[in-house]
N, C-alpha and C. Protein backbone atom coordinates (compact mmCIF):
# COMPACT_ATOMS: atom_id res chain seq x y z
N MET A 1 1.02 -1.42 0.10
CA MET A 1 -0.18 -0.07 0.18
C MET A 1 1.14 1.02 0.10
N LYS A 2 0.50 2.07 -1.05
CA LYS A 2 1.41 3.45 -1.25
C LYS A 2 0.78 4.06 0.21
N PHE A 3 2.21 5.28 0.15
CA PHE A 3 2.16 6.27 1.97
C PHE A 3 1.01 6.70 1.84
N THR A 4 0.15 7.28 0.45
CA THR A 4 -0.64 7.97 0.82
C THR A 4 -1.93 7.21 1.17
N GLU A 5 -2.11 5.85 0.43
CA GLU A 5 -3.45 5.18 0.55
C GLU A 5 -3.23 5.06 2.15
N MET A 6 -2.16 4.59 2.84
CA MET A 6 -2.10 4.44 4.21
C MET A 6 -2.87 5.61 4.90
N ARG A 7 -3.00 6.36 4.37
CA ARG A 7 -2.86 8.12 5.32
C ARG A 7 -4.17 8.11 5.04
N SER A 8 -5.17 7.48 3.58
CA SER A 8 -6.56 8.01 3.70
C SER A 8 -7.29 7.16 4.58
N THR A 9 -6.38 6.08 5.41
CA THR A 9 -7.52 5.11 6.43
C THR A 9 -7.62 5.55 7.45
N MET A 10 -6.57 6.79 7.77
CA MET A 10 -6.87 7.25 8.78
C MET A 10 -7.88 8.45 9.15
N GLN A 11 -9.09 8.51 9.93
CA GLN A 11 -9.94 9.63 9.49
C GLN A 11 -8.98 11.02 10.73
N SER A 12 -9.37 12.09 9.60
CA SER A 12 -9.00 13.20 9.77
C SER A 12 -9.50 14.01 10.54
N PHE A 13 -9.69 15.40 11.95
CA PHE A 13 -10.61 15.83 12.34
C PHE A 13 -10.15 17.06 12.48
N SER A 14 -8.82 17.45 11.98
CA SER A 14 -8.50 18.84 12.53
C SER A 14 -8.87 19.56 12.97
N GLY A 15 -8.45 19.39 14.39
CA GLY A 15 -8.07 19.56 15.46
C GLY A 15 -9.31 19.25 16.81
N ALA A 16 -10.30 18.22 16.01
CA ALA A 16 -11.50 18.01 16.92
C ALA A 16 -10.28 16.73 17.72
N LYS A 17 -10.83 16.61 19.01
CA LYS A 17 -10.18 15.63 20.27
C LYS A 17 -10.29 14.24 19.48
N THR A 18 -9.64 12.92 19.04
CA THR A 18 -9.61 11.90 18.82
C THR A 18 -10.52 11.41 19.45
N ALA A 19 -11.87 10.51 19.26
CA ALA A 19 -12.69 9.71 19.97
C ALA A 19 -11.71 8.92 20.61
N GLU A 20 -12.23 8.10 22.02
CA GLU A 20 -11.64 6.98 22.80
C GLU A 20 -11.66 5.71 21.45
N TYR A 21 -12.70 5.45 20.74
CA TYR A 21 -12.32 3.92 19.83
C TYR A 21 -11.30 4.25 18.87
N GLN A 22 -11.58 5.34 18.43
CA GLN A 22 -10.54 5.71 17.63
C GLN A 22 -8.98 5.52 17.58
N MET A 23 -8.72 6.44 19.22
CA MET A 23 -7.61 6.53 19.92
C MET A 23 -6.93 4.73 19.76
N GLN A 24 -8.54 4.01 20.27
CA GLN A 24 -7.76 2.37 20.60
C GLN A 24 -7.47 2.20 19.61
N TYR A 25 -8.20 2.59 18.05
CA TYR A 25 -7.91 1.61 17.03
C TYR A 25 -6.20 2.11 16.52
N MET A 26 -6.01 3.22 16.84
CA MET A 26 -4.95 3.70 16.48
C MET A 26 -3.38 3.17 16.85
N ALA A 27 -3.62 3.06 18.14
CA ALA A 27 -3.00 2.18 19.18
C ALA A 27 -2.77 0.84 18.86
N THR A 28 -3.41 0.07 18.25
CA THR A 28 -3.28 -1.30 17.86
C THR A 28 -2.89 -1.89 16.82
N GLU A 29 -3.18 -0.36 15.54
CA GLU A 29 -2.82 -0.53 14.28
C GLU A 29 -0.83 -0.11 14.15
N LEU A 30 -0.90 0.76 14.93
CA LEU A 30 0.08 1.82 14.29
C LEU A 30 1.29 0.51 14.66
N LYS A 31 1.74 -0.04 15.14
CA LYS A 31 3.40 -1.16 14.74
C LYS A 31 2.68 -1.74 13.25
N ASP A 32 1.56 -2.37 13.12
CA ASP A 32 1.38 -2.51 11.75
C ASP A 32 1.68 -1.83 10.43
N VAL A 33 1.16 -0.40 10.58
CA VAL A 33 1.29 0.76 9.77
C VAL A 33 2.70 1.10 9.54
N LEU A 34 3.68 1.26 10.57
CA LEU A 34 4.89 1.59 10.62
C LEU A 34 5.76 -0.01 9.94
N ASN A 35 5.22 -0.80 10.12
CA ASN A 35 6.20 -1.44 9.67
C ASN A 35 5.89 -1.80 8.09
N GLY A 36 4.74 -1.63 7.23
CA GLY A 36 4.07 -1.50 6.41
C GLY A 36 4.88 0.00 5.60
N LEU A 37 5.38 0.34 6.09
CA LEU A 37 6.32 1.98 5.52
C LEU A 37 7.70 0.99 5.37
N ASN A 38 8.04 -0.04 5.51
CA ASN A 38 9.29 -0.42 5.03
C ASN A 38 10.54 0.34 5.13
N ASN A 39 10.35 1.25 6.43
CA ASN A 39 11.26 1.96 7.04
C ASN A 39 11.73 3.42 6.28
N LYS A 40 10.52 3.71 5.62
CA LYS A 40 10.75 5.17 4.87
C LYS A 40 9.69 5.89 5.94
N PHE A 41 9.92 6.37 6.78
CA PHE A 41 9.39 7.30 7.91
C PHE A 41 9.03 8.42 7.41
N VAL A 42 10.35 8.82 6.64
CA VAL A 42 10.62 10.59 6.20
C VAL A 42 9.61 10.62 5.30
N GLU A 43 9.68 9.90 4.37
CA GLU A 43 9.06 9.93 2.96
C GLU A 43 7.57 10.51 3.78
N TYR A 44 6.83 9.09 4.49
CA TYR A 44 5.32 9.40 4.62
C TYR A 44 5.41 10.73 5.62
N LEU A 45 6.22 11.28 6.62
CA LEU A 45 6.29 12.37 7.10
C LEU A 45 5.98 13.38 6.30
N THR A 46 6.80 13.21 5.28
CA THR A 46 6.67 14.66 4.12
C THR A 46 5.65 15.19 3.15
N ASN A 47 5.07 13.48 3.15
CA ASN A 47 3.60 13.15 2.20
C ASN A 47 2.36 14.00 3.08
N ASP A 48 2.54 13.65 4.42
CA ASP A 48 1.43 13.94 5.50
C ASP A 48 1.35 15.47 5.43
N LEU A 49 2.58 16.10 5.93
CA LEU A 49 2.84 17.27 6.16
C LEU A 49 3.05 18.38 4.82
N THR A 50 2.95 18.26 3.69
CA THR A 50 3.08 18.73 2.13
C THR A 50 1.88 18.69 1.62
N ASP A 51 0.74 17.16 1.92
CA ASP A 51 -0.04 16.94 1.21
C ASP A 51 -0.05 16.91 0.09
N LEU A 52 1.46 16.34 -0.58
CA LEU A 52 1.48 15.87 -1.82
C LEU A 52 1.47 14.53 -1.78
N LYS A 53 1.50 14.05 -3.46
CA LYS A 53 1.93 12.29 -3.72
C LYS A 53 3.28 12.04 -4.07
N LEU A 54 4.27 12.53 -3.35
CA LEU A 54 5.29 12.17 -3.74
C LEU A 54 6.31 11.10 -3.80
N GLU A 55 6.92 10.85 -4.94
CA GLU A 55 7.54 9.47 -5.03
C GLU A 55 9.06 9.55 -5.20
N ILE A 56 9.73 9.97 -3.71
CA ILE A 56 10.79 10.89 -3.48
C ILE A 56 11.53 9.40 -2.67
N ASP A 57 12.86 9.42 -3.27
CA ASP A 57 13.86 8.67 -2.32
C ASP A 57 15.08 9.07 -1.41
N PHE A 58 14.32 9.37 -0.41
CA PHE A 58 15.24 10.51 0.46
C PHE A 58 16.47 9.86 0.78
N ARG A 59 16.66 8.76 0.89
CA ARG A 59 17.66 8.10 0.81
C ARG A 59 18.78 8.76 0.41
N ASN A 60 18.57 8.56 -1.62
CA ASN A 60 19.18 9.01 -2.58
C ASN A 60 19.48 10.43 -2.38
N ARG A 61 18.68 11.54 -1.97
CA ARG A 61 18.24 12.64 -2.21
C ARG A 61 19.17 13.34 -0.54
N ILE A 62 19.30 12.79 0.50
CA ILE A 62 19.82 13.54 1.43
C ILE A 62 21.02 12.99 1.67
N THR A 63 20.89 11.30 1.05
CA THR A 63 22.46 10.55 1.56
C THR A 63 22.35 9.91 2.49
N ASN A 64 23.24 8.71 2.63
CA ASN A 64 23.13 8.06 4.08
C ASN A 64 23.49 9.16 5.32
N THR A 65 24.28 10.11 5.04
CA THR A 65 24.81 10.63 6.25
C THR A 65 24.05 11.14 6.80
N TYR A 66 23.09 11.46 6.34
CA TYR A 66 21.59 12.88 6.94
C TYR A 66 20.18 11.70 7.45
N TYR A 67 20.50 10.58 6.09
CA TYR A 67 19.15 9.95 5.98
C TYR A 67 18.72 9.17 7.45
N GLY A 68 19.69 8.90 7.98
CA GLY A 68 19.51 7.63 9.55
C GLY A 68 18.84 8.51 10.53
N SER A 69 19.94 9.54 10.78
CA SER A 69 19.32 10.65 11.96
C SER A 69 17.68 10.88 11.29
N SER A 70 17.28 11.94 10.23
CA SER A 70 16.08 12.12 9.96
C SER A 70 15.23 10.99 9.89
N ASN A 71 15.17 9.73 9.27
CA ASN A 71 14.53 8.96 9.47
C ASN A 71 13.65 8.20 10.89
N ASP A 72 15.08 8.11 11.74
CA ASP A 72 14.48 7.68 13.27
C ASP A 72 13.65 9.26 13.91
N ASN A 73 13.92 10.61 13.43
CA ASN A 73 13.13 11.42 14.06
C ASN A 73 11.70 11.28 13.52
N ALA A 74 11.52 11.14 12.15
CA ALA A 74 11.08 11.18 11.24
C ALA A 74 9.49 9.75 12.25
N LYS A 75 10.51 8.87 12.54
CA LYS A 75 9.81 7.51 13.03
C LYS A 75 9.22 7.94 14.58
N GLU A 76 9.75 9.11 15.37
CA GLU A 76 9.44 9.15 16.47
C GLU A 76 7.76 9.98 16.13
N CYS A 77 8.03 10.93 15.21
CA CYS A 77 6.93 11.83 15.03
C CYS A 77 5.50 10.63 15.22
N LEU A 78 5.77 10.01 14.11
CA LEU A 78 4.49 8.77 13.73
C LEU A 78 4.08 7.94 14.73
N GLU A 79 5.55 7.60 15.89
CA GLU A 79 5.21 7.17 17.15
C GLU A 79 3.86 8.15 18.22
N LEU A 80 3.91 9.25 17.91
CA LEU A 80 3.19 10.47 18.32
C LEU A 80 2.23 10.65 17.79
N CYS A 81 1.86 10.64 16.47
CA CYS A 81 0.95 10.86 15.68
C CYS A 81 1.14 10.37 14.46
N LEU A 82 -0.02 9.62 13.76
CA LEU A 82 0.27 8.98 12.22
C LEU A 82 0.06 10.38 11.57
N ASN A 83 -0.79 11.39 11.58
CA ASN A 83 -1.38 12.03 10.95
C ASN A 83 -1.74 13.05 11.62
N VAL A 84 -1.01 14.61 11.09
CA VAL A 84 -0.68 15.79 11.74
C VAL A 84 -2.16 16.26 12.22
N LYS A 85 -3.11 15.60 11.14
CA LYS A 85 -4.11 16.70 11.82
C LYS A 85 -4.67 15.78 13.08
N HIS A 86 -4.42 15.00 13.42
CA HIS A 86 -4.45 13.87 14.43
C HIS A 86 -3.57 14.94 15.57
N LEU A 87 -2.81 15.67 15.72
CA LEU A 87 -2.01 16.11 16.54
C LEU A 87 -2.88 16.73 17.52
N TYR A 88 -2.76 16.64 18.82
CA TYR A 88 -4.13 17.51 20.04
C TYR A 88 -3.11 18.52 20.49
N GLY A 89 -3.30 19.18 21.32
CA GLY A 89 -2.90 19.56 22.99
C GLY A 89 -1.17 19.51 22.49
N ARG A 90 -0.90 18.71 24.45
CA ARG A 90 0.87 18.50 24.49
C ARG A 90 1.33 17.91 23.40
N LYS A 91 0.94 17.04 22.54
CA LYS A 91 1.70 16.08 22.02
C LYS A 91 2.61 16.68 20.77
N ILE A 92 2.38 18.02 20.59
CA ILE A 92 2.42 19.13 19.86
C ILE A 92 3.88 19.41 20.22
N LYS A 93 4.26 19.30 21.49
CA LYS A 93 5.73 19.23 21.94
C LYS A 93 6.85 18.67 21.43
N SER A 94 6.58 17.45 21.80
CA SER A 94 7.28 16.44 21.55
C SER A 94 7.08 15.92 19.74
N TRP A 95 6.55 16.37 19.28
CA TRP A 95 6.48 16.31 17.70
C TRP A 95 6.85 17.23 17.44
N THR A 96 7.06 18.46 17.62
CA THR A 96 7.60 19.29 17.15
C THR A 96 9.38 19.49 17.18
N ASP A 97 9.90 19.02 18.39
CA ASP A 97 11.12 18.71 18.75
C ASP A 97 12.06 17.56 17.69
N ASN A 98 11.18 16.87 17.17
CA ASN A 98 11.34 15.51 16.56
C ASN A 98 11.43 15.95 15.26
N ALA A 99 10.05 16.68 14.59
CA ALA A 99 10.56 17.25 13.54
C ALA A 99 11.43 18.22 12.86
N LEU A 100 11.99 19.47 13.98
CA LEU A 100 12.81 20.03 13.64
C LEU A 100 13.85 18.87 13.60
N LYS A 101 14.34 18.18 14.27
CA LYS A 101 15.70 17.41 14.18
C LYS A 101 15.80 16.76 12.67
N CYS A 102 14.47 16.31 12.73
CA CYS A 102 14.34 15.63 11.31
C CYS A 102 14.82 16.42 10.33
N TYR A 103 13.93 17.57 9.87
CA TYR A 103 14.67 18.17 8.82
C TYR A 103 15.16 19.33 8.80
N ASP A 104 16.01 19.45 9.90
CA ASP A 104 17.03 20.53 9.90
C ASP A 104 18.08 19.63 9.55
N ASN A 105 18.28 18.54 9.41
CA ASN A 105 19.17 17.42 8.55
C ASN A 105 18.98 17.84 6.67
N PHE A 106 17.84 18.44 6.44
CA PHE A 106 17.76 18.65 5.10
C PHE A 106 18.42 19.54 4.81
N LEU A 107 18.39 20.99 5.53
CA LEU A 107 18.95 21.78 5.56
C LEU A 107 20.49 22.30 5.39
N LEU A 108 21.04 21.20 6.43
CA LEU A 108 22.39 21.08 6.35
C LEU A 108 22.70 20.78 4.93
N LYS A 109 22.25 19.49 4.56
CA LYS A 109 22.82 18.42 2.94
C LYS A 109 22.82 19.95 2.11
N TYR A 110 21.52 20.21 1.73
CA TYR A 110 22.06 21.60 1.31
C TYR A 110 22.67 22.78 1.22
N ILE A 111 22.47 22.87 2.52
CA ILE A 111 24.38 24.13 2.30
C ILE A 111 25.26 23.72 2.11
N GLN A 112 25.27 22.37 3.02
CA GLN A 112 26.83 21.73 2.98
C GLN A 112 27.34 21.13 1.48
N GLU A 113 26.49 20.72 1.04
CA GLU A 113 26.85 19.48 0.10
C GLU A 113 26.55 20.56 -1.78
N ASP A 114 25.28 20.81 -1.34
CA ASP A 114 24.67 21.16 -2.39
C ASP A 114 25.24 22.52 -2.88
N ARG A 115 24.97 23.28 -1.91
CA ARG A 115 25.85 24.42 -2.03
C ARG A 115 27.09 25.08 -1.96
N GLY A 116 27.58 23.94 -1.25
CA GLY A 116 29.15 23.93 -0.78
C GLY A 116 29.28 24.99 0.15
N GLU A 117 28.72 25.31 0.93
CA GLU A 117 28.62 26.45 1.66
C GLU A 117 29.17 25.85 3.38
N LYS A 118 29.85 26.58 3.72
CA LYS A 118 30.23 26.86 5.49
C LYS A 118 29.21 27.74 6.21
N ILE A 119 28.24 27.26 7.14
CA ILE A 119 27.15 27.85 7.46
C ILE A 119 27.95 28.88 8.34
N LYS A 120 27.31 30.08 8.85
CA LYS A 120 28.17 31.19 9.33
C LYS A 120 27.93 31.16 10.87
N PRO A 121 28.94 31.23 11.40
CA PRO A 121 28.21 31.52 12.97
C PRO A 121 27.73 32.62 13.11
N ASN A 122 26.94 32.79 14.04
CA ASN A 122 26.46 33.67 14.61
C ASN A 122 25.88 33.89 16.04
N ILE A 123 26.71 34.78 16.77
CA ILE A 123 26.67 34.15 18.25
C ILE A 123 25.53 34.84 18.94
N LYS A 124 24.62 35.71 18.10
CA LYS A 124 23.65 36.05 18.66
C LYS A 124 21.99 35.27 19.09
N VAL A 125 22.34 34.45 17.91
CA VAL A 125 21.03 33.18 17.63
C VAL A 125 21.60 31.49 18.09
N GLY A 126 22.84 31.34 18.43
CA GLY A 126 22.99 30.10 18.64
C GLY A 126 23.36 28.79 17.55
N THR A 127 23.85 27.58 17.82
CA THR A 127 24.37 27.45 16.52
C THR A 127 22.85 26.19 16.05
N GLU A 128 22.33 25.88 16.18
CA GLU A 128 21.30 25.72 15.48
C GLU A 128 20.56 26.62 14.56
N ARG A 129 20.38 28.05 15.72
CA ARG A 129 19.62 28.53 14.51
C ARG A 129 20.45 29.52 13.47
N GLU A 130 21.79 28.90 13.45
CA GLU A 130 23.11 29.67 12.83
C GLU A 130 22.14 28.89 11.10
N VAL A 131 22.13 27.66 11.28
CA VAL A 131 21.47 27.43 10.31
C VAL A 131 20.52 27.75 9.28
N TYR A 132 19.53 28.19 10.07
CA TYR A 132 18.11 29.24 9.45
C TYR A 132 18.78 30.51 9.25
N TRP A 133 19.43 31.08 9.77
CA TRP A 133 20.15 32.20 9.35
C TRP A 133 20.89 32.50 8.06
N HIS A 134 21.45 31.44 8.38
CA HIS A 134 22.30 31.13 7.03
C HIS A 134 21.58 31.15 5.75
N LEU A 135 20.43 31.20 5.84
CA LEU A 135 19.49 30.67 4.78
C LEU A 135 18.44 31.93 4.82
N ILE A 136 18.49 32.77 5.93
CA ILE A 136 17.47 34.13 5.62
C ILE A 136 18.61 34.67 5.03
N ASP A 137 20.14 35.07 5.00
CA ASP A 137 20.56 35.92 4.98
C ASP A 137 20.94 35.70 3.12
N LEU A 138 20.59 34.90 2.45
CA LEU A 138 20.55 34.51 1.35
C LEU A 138 19.62 35.23 0.63
N GLY A 139 18.26 35.30 1.15
CA GLY A 139 17.24 35.89 0.54
C GLY A 139 16.21 35.40 -0.49
N GLY A 140 15.24 35.44 -1.02
CA GLY A 140 14.40 34.77 -1.80
C GLY A 140 13.74 33.60 -1.22
N ASP A 141 13.55 32.41 -1.90
CA ASP A 141 12.66 31.81 -1.46
C ASP A 141 13.78 30.93 -0.13
N LEU A 142 15.08 30.93 -0.29
CA LEU A 142 15.91 30.73 0.80
C LEU A 142 15.70 31.60 2.18
N GLN A 143 15.66 32.84 1.99
CA GLN A 143 15.01 33.42 3.33
C GLN A 143 13.85 33.16 3.99
N GLN A 144 12.36 32.68 3.00
CA GLN A 144 11.34 32.06 3.39
C GLN A 144 11.48 30.50 4.00
N ILE A 145 12.65 29.73 3.70
CA ILE A 145 12.57 28.91 4.30
C ILE A 145 13.38 28.77 5.91
N GLY A 146 14.44 29.59 5.78
CA GLY A 146 14.97 29.96 7.05
C GLY A 146 14.15 30.52 7.79
N GLN A 147 13.23 31.52 7.79
CA GLN A 147 12.70 32.37 8.16
C GLN A 147 11.15 31.10 9.15
N ALA A 148 10.57 30.40 7.91
CA ALA A 148 9.78 29.75 8.75
C ALA A 148 10.63 28.50 9.81
N PHE A 149 11.41 28.04 9.36
CA PHE A 149 12.26 27.12 10.67
C PHE A 149 12.55 28.10 11.75
N ASP A 150 13.20 29.02 11.71
CA ASP A 150 13.23 29.89 12.77
C ASP A 150 12.19 30.10 13.35
N ASN A 151 11.08 30.38 12.88
CA ASN A 151 9.83 30.64 14.01
C ASN A 151 9.05 29.18 14.29
N ILE A 152 9.55 28.36 13.62
CA ILE A 152 9.10 26.62 14.42
C ILE A 152 9.70 26.63 15.76
N TYR A 153 10.97 26.84 15.66
CA TYR A 153 12.54 26.60 16.55
C TYR A 153 11.66 27.79 17.66
N LEU A 154 11.78 28.76 17.32
CA LEU A 154 11.31 29.60 18.55
C LEU A 154 10.16 29.17 19.20
N SER A 155 9.08 28.73 18.74
CA SER A 155 7.98 28.64 19.21
C SER A 155 8.20 26.85 19.67
N ARG A 156 8.90 26.11 19.40
CA ARG A 156 9.58 24.82 20.41
C ARG A 156 9.72 25.57 21.75
N ASN A 157 10.97 26.82 21.81
CA ASN A 157 11.47 26.77 22.87
C ASN A 157 10.35 27.43 23.78
N GLU A 158 9.44 27.64 22.90
CA GLU A 158 7.74 28.61 24.46
C GLU A 158 7.44 27.69 24.84
N PHE A 159 7.81 26.01 24.63
CA PHE A 159 6.82 25.34 25.11
C PHE A 159 7.64 24.66 26.51
N GLN A 160 9.31 24.81 26.16
CA GLN A 160 10.23 24.94 27.40
C GLN A 160 9.97 25.57 28.65
N HIS A 161 9.77 26.78 28.25
CA HIS A 161 9.47 27.87 29.13
C HIS A 161 8.40 27.63 30.41
N ILE A 162 8.31 26.84 31.50
CA ILE A 162 6.82 26.52 31.97
C ILE A 162 7.21 26.88 33.45
N GLN A 163 7.73 28.20 33.73
CA GLN A 163 7.19 28.87 34.85
C GLN A 163 7.08 30.18 34.69
N ILE A 164 6.49 31.02 35.29
CA ILE A 164 6.14 32.43 35.35
C ILE A 164 5.94 32.87 36.41
N ILE A 165 6.06 34.24 36.64
CA ILE A 165 6.61 34.83 37.81
C ILE A 165 4.60 35.64 38.07
N ASP A 166 4.78 35.39 39.34
CA ASP A 166 3.05 35.85 39.67
C ASP A 166 3.49 36.87 40.60
N GLN A 167 1.90 38.03 40.88
CA GLN A 167 2.36 39.35 41.23
C GLN A 167 2.82 39.52 42.73
N ASN A 168 3.05 38.32 43.28
CA ASN A 168 4.03 38.49 45.12
C ASN A 168 5.19 37.58 44.30
N GLY A 169 6.05 38.04 43.18
CA GLY A 169 6.81 37.11 42.70
C GLY A 169 7.52 36.09 43.19
N ASN A 170 6.72 35.21 43.48
CA ASN A 170 6.69 33.17 43.26
C ASN A 170 6.61 32.89 41.96
N ARG A 171 7.59 31.92 41.81
CA ARG A 171 7.72 31.28 40.73
C ARG A 171 6.36 30.09 41.07
N ILE A 172 5.36 30.46 39.79
CA ILE A 172 4.43 28.87 39.54
C ILE A 172 4.46 28.63 38.21
N PRO A 173 3.88 26.97 38.05
CA PRO A 173 3.70 26.52 36.95
C PRO A 173 2.72 27.30 35.81
N LYS A 174 3.52 27.54 34.64
CA LYS A 174 2.34 27.98 33.73
C LYS A 174 1.37 27.23 33.31
N GLN A 175 0.31 27.64 32.73
CA GLN A 175 -0.82 27.23 32.74
C GLN A 175 -1.13 27.37 31.07
N VAL A 176 -1.58 26.08 30.34
CA VAL A 176 -1.42 25.99 29.08
C VAL A 176 -2.30 25.47 28.43
N SER A 177 -3.31 25.85 27.73
CA SER A 177 -4.44 25.57 27.39
C SER A 177 -4.52 24.43 26.32
N ASN A 178 -5.15 23.42 26.00
CA ASN A 178 -5.22 22.70 24.68
C ASN A 178 -5.42 23.52 23.89
N SER A 179 -6.56 24.56 23.61
CA SER A 179 -6.74 25.44 22.77
C SER A 179 -5.56 26.28 22.17
N LYS A 180 -4.76 26.37 23.11
CA LYS A 180 -3.41 27.27 22.90
C LYS A 180 -2.27 26.65 22.07
N TYR A 181 -2.36 24.99 22.37
CA TYR A 181 -1.63 24.43 22.43
C TYR A 181 -1.74 23.94 20.48
N ASN A 182 -3.38 24.08 20.53
CA ASN A 182 -3.37 23.74 19.00
C ASN A 182 -3.51 24.79 18.13
N GLU A 183 -3.59 26.06 18.51
CA GLU A 183 -3.18 27.65 17.75
C GLU A 183 -1.82 27.75 17.27
N LYS A 184 -0.93 26.91 18.19
CA LYS A 184 0.44 26.77 17.96
C LYS A 184 0.88 25.58 17.20
N ARG A 185 -0.16 24.72 17.36
CA ARG A 185 0.16 23.24 16.15
C ARG A 185 -0.09 23.78 14.87
N ASP A 186 -1.43 24.66 14.61
CA ASP A 186 -1.40 25.33 13.42
C ASP A 186 -0.57 25.98 13.06
N LEU A 187 0.12 27.07 13.12
CA LEU A 187 0.91 27.53 12.83
C LEU A 187 2.25 27.01 11.80
N ILE A 188 2.92 25.81 13.28
CA ILE A 188 3.97 24.86 13.23
C ILE A 188 3.85 24.19 12.02
N ILE A 189 2.24 23.60 11.76
CA ILE A 189 2.60 22.98 10.62
C ILE A 189 2.43 23.56 9.03
N SER A 190 1.65 24.86 9.33
CA SER A 190 1.94 25.77 8.07
C SER A 190 3.32 25.98 7.50
N TRP A 191 4.19 26.58 8.69
CA TRP A 191 5.50 26.50 8.40
C TRP A 191 5.74 25.69 8.04
N PHE A 192 5.85 24.41 8.25
CA PHE A 192 6.77 23.42 8.06
C PHE A 192 6.46 23.08 6.40
N LYS A 193 4.77 22.91 6.24
CA LYS A 193 4.21 22.86 4.65
C LYS A 193 5.05 24.08 3.29
N SER A 194 5.14 25.23 4.05
CA SER A 194 5.49 26.28 3.12
C SER A 194 6.81 25.63 2.79
N ALA A 195 7.35 25.62 4.15
CA ALA A 195 9.13 25.38 4.21
C ALA A 195 9.24 24.26 3.54
N LEU A 196 9.01 23.15 3.44
CA LEU A 196 9.40 22.07 2.73
C LEU A 196 8.75 21.65 1.53
N ILE A 197 8.17 22.78 0.84
CA ILE A 197 7.73 22.87 -0.28
C ILE A 197 8.59 23.38 -1.22
N LEU A 198 8.90 24.72 -0.93
CA LEU A 198 10.30 24.98 -1.34
C LEU A 198 11.53 24.41 -1.32
N MET A 199 11.63 23.75 0.02
CA MET A 199 13.04 23.22 -0.28
C MET A 199 13.36 21.93 -0.83
N LEU A 200 12.16 21.04 -1.32
CA LEU A 200 12.46 20.12 -2.09
C LEU A 200 12.55 20.09 -3.72
N ASP A 201 12.01 21.16 -3.77
CA ASP A 201 12.45 21.89 -5.51
C ASP A 201 14.36 22.19 -5.40
N LYS A 202 14.82 22.21 -4.28
CA LYS A 202 15.90 23.13 -4.15
C LYS A 202 17.17 21.53 -4.07
N ILE A 203 16.56 20.56 -3.06
CA ILE A 203 18.02 19.65 -2.74
C ILE A 203 18.06 18.50 -3.89
N LYS A 204 19.47 18.39 -4.40
CA LYS A 204 19.84 17.68 -5.50
C LYS A 204 19.42 16.10 -5.64
């Protein structure tokens, strides 16, 4: 069964909380579905994010240097949720972390191997964001890709800030509603989609 056919068997709810019987079905079938992907988790995740019916062998496209790491992180995403439209609430935190690690490798391959460039150090933004800012500085489509990834990274960091200071100066846990997580999810998925569609045309 093709990736897109497998994906279509999983009903999506576009932000609605998944019903209990559907959660049970997904948990029961998850292992079989993942096994059916023949270890091509990046391919499945990318099709899901872009809504495209891609027939790309990413192992050849991004080479073995990067593929293994990307594929492992894509699998982590799929184990959390087989379809991004099923992402709900706090799941977006771990999902975003793994998705960034997956697709950061695409950027590294493009910059260092396809373009033959060294990533510019930037002490203001830190090591991971240097990759995004390298693209931003190039302008055009690459600027859009870099900016989208930087937005995702900053949103991911917001999930890590779990304390606030109340009016008495005490530190207390930050309360985040599922609806707020879902708002972030919609933005993150949109940024990934736009960046990947542009990126896939550029990686050789």
